[in-house]
């Protein structure tokens, strides 16, 4: 799976964080209607009223690939169309 985090420099300087704390990109993205795009919603939580300015091409998030396991009884009889926030559907 791929996990997403804000760049540490933005976190330290501006308290930039992902709205859902950590983004998890799992197998639901493979056949989703989102055409493979990964959307990231960030929040500027600074109490010092600092303005974050990002130009096109600036890095603001990073992804880390992690191994994952599947249980022996991981049976599913329905097809979900996922993306962020789809887990509880």
N, C-alpha and C. Protein backbone atom coordinates (compact mmCIF):
# COMPACT_ATOMS: atom_id res chain seq x y z
N UNK A 1 0.84 -1.18 0.00
CA UNK A 1 0.00 0.00 0.00
C UNK A 1 0.88 1.23 0.00
N UNK A 2 0.31 2.33 -0.38
CA UNK A 2 1.01 3.60 -0.42
C UNK A 2 0.42 4.49 0.66
N UNK A 3 1.26 5.05 1.52
CA UNK A 3 0.78 6.00 2.52
C UNK A 3 1.30 7.39 2.14
N UNK A 4 0.51 8.40 2.42
CA UNK A 4 0.83 9.78 2.05
C UNK A 4 0.96 10.66 3.28
N UNK A 5 1.96 11.51 3.26
CA UNK A 5 2.24 12.42 4.37
C UNK A 5 2.64 13.78 3.82
N UNK A 6 2.43 14.87 4.58
CA UNK A 6 2.92 16.17 4.12
C UNK A 6 4.44 16.21 4.21
N UNK A 7 5.07 17.01 3.40
CA UNK A 7 6.52 17.19 3.50
C UNK A 7 6.85 17.75 4.88
N UNK A 8 7.88 17.23 5.50
CA UNK A 8 8.19 17.60 6.89
C UNK A 8 8.51 19.09 7.04
N UNK A 9 9.16 19.68 6.05
CA UNK A 9 9.48 21.10 6.15
C UNK A 9 8.24 21.97 6.25
N UNK A 10 7.21 21.63 5.48
CA UNK A 10 5.94 22.38 5.56
C UNK A 10 5.25 22.17 6.90
N UNK A 11 5.39 20.97 7.43
CA UNK A 11 4.80 20.69 8.74
C UNK A 11 5.46 21.49 9.84
N UNK A 12 6.79 21.57 9.80
CA UNK A 12 7.51 22.32 10.83
C UNK A 12 7.30 23.82 10.71
N UNK A 13 7.35 24.34 9.49
CA UNK A 13 7.25 25.79 9.30
C UNK A 13 5.82 26.32 9.41
N UNK A 14 4.85 25.55 8.88
CA UNK A 14 3.49 26.07 8.76
C UNK A 14 2.42 25.19 9.41
N UNK A 15 2.80 24.06 9.98
CA UNK A 15 1.85 23.08 10.51
C UNK A 15 0.90 22.58 9.42
N UNK A 16 1.41 22.43 8.22
CA UNK A 16 0.62 21.85 7.13
C UNK A 16 0.42 20.38 7.45
N UNK A 17 -0.81 19.92 7.32
CA UNK A 17 -1.13 18.52 7.58
C UNK A 17 -2.23 18.04 6.64
N UNK A 18 -2.30 16.74 6.45
CA UNK A 18 -3.38 16.17 5.66
C UNK A 18 -4.67 16.24 6.47
N UNK A 19 -5.77 16.52 5.82
CA UNK A 19 -7.04 16.65 6.51
C UNK A 19 -7.44 15.36 7.24
N UNK A 20 -7.06 14.21 6.68
CA UNK A 20 -7.40 12.94 7.33
C UNK A 20 -6.19 12.33 8.03
N UNK A 21 -5.18 13.09 8.35
CA UNK A 21 -3.94 12.76 9.05
C UNK A 21 -2.97 11.95 8.20
N UNK A 22 -3.36 10.79 7.69
CA UNK A 22 -2.50 9.98 6.83
C UNK A 22 -3.35 9.46 5.67
N UNK A 23 -2.86 9.63 4.47
CA UNK A 23 -3.57 9.09 3.32
C UNK A 23 -3.15 7.65 3.08
N UNK A 24 -4.12 6.77 2.88
CA UNK A 24 -3.83 5.36 2.59
C UNK A 24 -4.40 5.05 1.21
N UNK A 25 -3.51 4.68 0.30
CA UNK A 25 -3.91 4.31 -1.05
C UNK A 25 -3.81 2.79 -1.12
N UNK A 26 -4.97 2.14 -1.27
CA UNK A 26 -4.99 0.68 -1.28
C UNK A 26 -5.60 0.19 -2.59
N UNK A 27 -5.96 -1.07 -2.63
CA UNK A 27 -6.42 -1.68 -3.88
C UNK A 27 -7.70 -1.06 -4.44
N UNK A 28 -8.48 -0.34 -3.64
CA UNK A 28 -9.69 0.31 -4.15
C UNK A 28 -9.37 1.31 -5.26
N UNK A 29 -8.17 1.85 -5.28
CA UNK A 29 -7.80 2.82 -6.30
C UNK A 29 -7.57 2.19 -7.66
N UNK A 30 -7.33 0.89 -7.71
CA UNK A 30 -6.95 0.24 -8.96
C UNK A 30 -8.04 0.31 -10.03
N UNK A 31 -9.26 0.01 -9.67
CA UNK A 31 -10.36 0.03 -10.65
C UNK A 31 -11.36 1.15 -10.38
N UNK A 32 -10.95 2.19 -9.71
CA UNK A 32 -11.87 3.26 -9.33
C UNK A 32 -12.16 4.19 -10.50
N UNK A 33 -13.23 4.97 -10.37
CA UNK A 33 -13.59 5.96 -11.38
C UNK A 33 -12.68 7.19 -11.35
N UNK A 34 -11.72 7.24 -10.43
CA UNK A 34 -10.87 8.43 -10.31
C UNK A 34 -9.72 8.43 -11.32
N UNK A 35 -9.70 7.48 -12.24
CA UNK A 35 -8.71 7.40 -13.31
C UNK A 35 -7.27 7.32 -12.80
N UNK A 36 -7.09 6.84 -11.56
CA UNK A 36 -5.76 6.70 -11.00
C UNK A 36 -5.19 7.95 -10.35
N UNK A 37 -5.96 9.04 -10.35
CA UNK A 37 -5.48 10.26 -9.70
C UNK A 37 -5.53 10.10 -8.18
N UNK A 38 -4.53 10.62 -7.53
CA UNK A 38 -4.50 10.64 -6.07
C UNK A 38 -4.71 12.08 -5.64
N UNK A 39 -5.78 12.31 -4.90
CA UNK A 39 -6.10 13.66 -4.44
C UNK A 39 -5.67 13.79 -2.99
N UNK A 40 -5.06 14.94 -2.66
CA UNK A 40 -4.56 15.17 -1.31
C UNK A 40 -5.13 16.51 -0.84
N UNK A 41 -5.83 16.47 0.29
CA UNK A 41 -6.36 17.70 0.87
C UNK A 41 -5.49 18.07 2.07
N UNK A 42 -4.87 19.25 2.01
CA UNK A 42 -4.00 19.69 3.09
C UNK A 42 -4.61 20.88 3.81
N UNK A 43 -4.20 21.07 5.06
CA UNK A 43 -4.70 22.16 5.90
C UNK A 43 -3.50 22.91 6.46
N UNK A 44 -3.57 24.22 6.44
CA UNK A 44 -2.57 25.08 7.08
C UNK A 44 -3.09 25.36 8.49
N UNK A 45 -2.55 24.67 9.50
CA UNK A 45 -3.05 24.77 10.87
C UNK A 45 -2.20 25.69 11.74
N UNK A 46 -1.43 26.57 11.12
CA UNK A 46 -0.56 27.45 11.90
C UNK A 46 -1.38 28.41 12.75
N UNK A 47 -0.88 28.67 13.95
CA UNK A 47 -1.51 29.66 14.82
C UNK A 47 -0.80 31.01 14.69
N UNK A 48 0.28 31.03 13.90
CA UNK A 48 1.05 32.26 13.69
C UNK A 48 0.57 33.02 12.46
N UNK A 49 -0.51 32.57 11.84
CA UNK A 49 -1.09 33.21 10.66
C UNK A 49 -0.10 33.32 9.50
N UNK A 50 0.72 32.29 9.32
CA UNK A 50 1.66 32.25 8.21
C UNK A 50 0.92 31.75 6.97
N UNK A 51 1.23 32.33 5.84
CA UNK A 51 0.61 31.94 4.57
C UNK A 51 1.53 30.98 3.84
N UNK A 52 0.98 29.87 3.41
CA UNK A 52 1.73 28.89 2.63
C UNK A 52 1.48 29.19 1.16
N UNK A 53 2.55 29.33 0.40
CA UNK A 53 2.41 29.55 -1.04
C UNK A 53 3.11 28.41 -1.76
N UNK A 54 2.35 27.70 -2.58
CA UNK A 54 2.90 26.60 -3.37
C UNK A 54 2.77 26.95 -4.85
N UNK A 55 3.88 26.83 -5.57
CA UNK A 55 3.86 27.06 -7.01
C UNK A 55 3.69 25.71 -7.71
N UNK A 56 3.26 25.75 -8.94
CA UNK A 56 3.14 24.52 -9.72
C UNK A 56 4.47 23.79 -9.71
N UNK A 57 4.44 22.52 -9.39
CA UNK A 57 5.65 21.71 -9.36
C UNK A 57 6.30 21.61 -7.99
N UNK A 58 5.88 22.44 -7.02
CA UNK A 58 6.43 22.36 -5.67
C UNK A 58 5.99 21.07 -4.99
N UNK A 59 6.87 20.44 -4.28
CA UNK A 59 6.52 19.25 -3.51
C UNK A 59 5.84 19.64 -2.22
N UNK A 60 4.72 19.03 -1.90
CA UNK A 60 4.02 19.33 -0.66
C UNK A 60 3.63 18.06 0.09
N UNK A 61 3.78 16.91 -0.55
CA UNK A 61 3.46 15.64 0.09
C UNK A 61 4.45 14.59 -0.40
N UNK A 62 4.53 13.50 0.36
CA UNK A 62 5.41 12.40 -0.04
C UNK A 62 4.70 11.09 0.24
N UNK A 63 5.04 10.10 -0.55
CA UNK A 63 4.43 8.79 -0.40
C UNK A 63 5.46 7.76 0.03
N UNK A 64 5.02 6.82 0.85
CA UNK A 64 5.88 5.74 1.30
C UNK A 64 5.15 4.43 1.02
N UNK A 65 5.79 3.54 0.26
CA UNK A 65 5.22 2.23 0.00
C UNK A 65 5.52 1.30 1.17
N UNK A 66 4.49 0.61 1.65
CA UNK A 66 4.63 -0.32 2.76
C UNK A 66 4.04 -1.67 2.38
N UNK A 67 4.65 -2.76 2.85
CA UNK A 67 4.05 -4.08 2.60
C UNK A 67 2.78 -4.24 3.43
N UNK A 68 1.91 -5.12 3.00
CA UNK A 68 0.69 -5.38 3.77
C UNK A 68 0.35 -6.85 3.67
N UNK A 69 -0.46 -7.32 4.58
CA UNK A 69 -0.87 -8.72 4.57
C UNK A 69 -2.37 -8.85 4.35
N UNK A 70 -2.78 -10.01 3.89
CA UNK A 70 -4.20 -10.32 3.70
C UNK A 70 -4.50 -11.58 4.49
N UNK A 71 -5.61 -11.57 5.19
CA UNK A 71 -5.98 -12.74 5.99
C UNK A 71 -6.43 -13.88 5.09
N UNK A 72 -6.40 -15.09 5.63
CA UNK A 72 -6.83 -16.27 4.88
C UNK A 72 -8.32 -16.22 4.55
N UNK A 73 -9.11 -15.58 5.41
CA UNK A 73 -10.57 -15.56 5.22
C UNK A 73 -11.06 -14.18 4.76
N UNK A 74 -10.29 -13.52 3.94
CA UNK A 74 -10.63 -12.18 3.46
C UNK A 74 -11.56 -12.28 2.25
N UNK A 75 -12.74 -12.81 2.46
CA UNK A 75 -13.72 -13.02 1.39
C UNK A 75 -14.61 -11.78 1.25
N UNK A 76 -14.94 -11.44 0.03
CA UNK A 76 -15.82 -10.30 -0.22
C UNK A 76 -16.71 -10.67 -1.40
N UNK A 77 -18.01 -10.47 -1.26
CA UNK A 77 -18.92 -10.84 -2.35
C UNK A 77 -19.53 -9.64 -3.05
N UNK A 78 -19.01 -8.44 -2.75
CA UNK A 78 -19.49 -7.23 -3.43
C UNK A 78 -18.30 -6.48 -4.00
N UNK A 79 -18.56 -5.70 -5.03
CA UNK A 79 -17.50 -4.88 -5.63
C UNK A 79 -17.72 -3.44 -5.21
N UNK A 80 -16.69 -2.84 -4.61
CA UNK A 80 -16.76 -1.44 -4.21
C UNK A 80 -16.06 -0.58 -5.25
N UNK A 81 -16.47 0.65 -5.34
CA UNK A 81 -15.79 1.63 -6.18
C UNK A 81 -15.23 2.66 -5.23
N UNK A 82 -13.94 2.57 -4.90
CA UNK A 82 -13.39 3.31 -3.78
C UNK A 82 -12.65 4.57 -4.13
N UNK A 83 -12.03 5.08 -3.13
CA UNK A 83 -11.28 6.31 -3.13
C UNK A 83 -11.28 6.82 -1.71
N UNK A 84 -10.80 8.02 -1.46
CA UNK A 84 -10.79 8.54 -0.11
C UNK A 84 -12.20 8.55 0.47
N UNK A 85 -12.34 8.04 1.68
CA UNK A 85 -13.62 8.05 2.38
C UNK A 85 -14.57 6.96 1.97
N UNK A 86 -14.12 5.97 1.20
CA UNK A 86 -15.05 4.95 0.72
C UNK A 86 -15.11 3.71 1.61
N UNK A 87 -14.25 3.62 2.61
CA UNK A 87 -14.13 2.40 3.39
C UNK A 87 -15.43 2.00 4.07
N UNK A 88 -16.20 2.96 4.55
CA UNK A 88 -17.42 2.63 5.30
C UNK A 88 -18.66 2.49 4.43
N UNK A 89 -18.53 2.59 3.12
CA UNK A 89 -19.70 2.48 2.25
C UNK A 89 -20.23 1.07 2.19
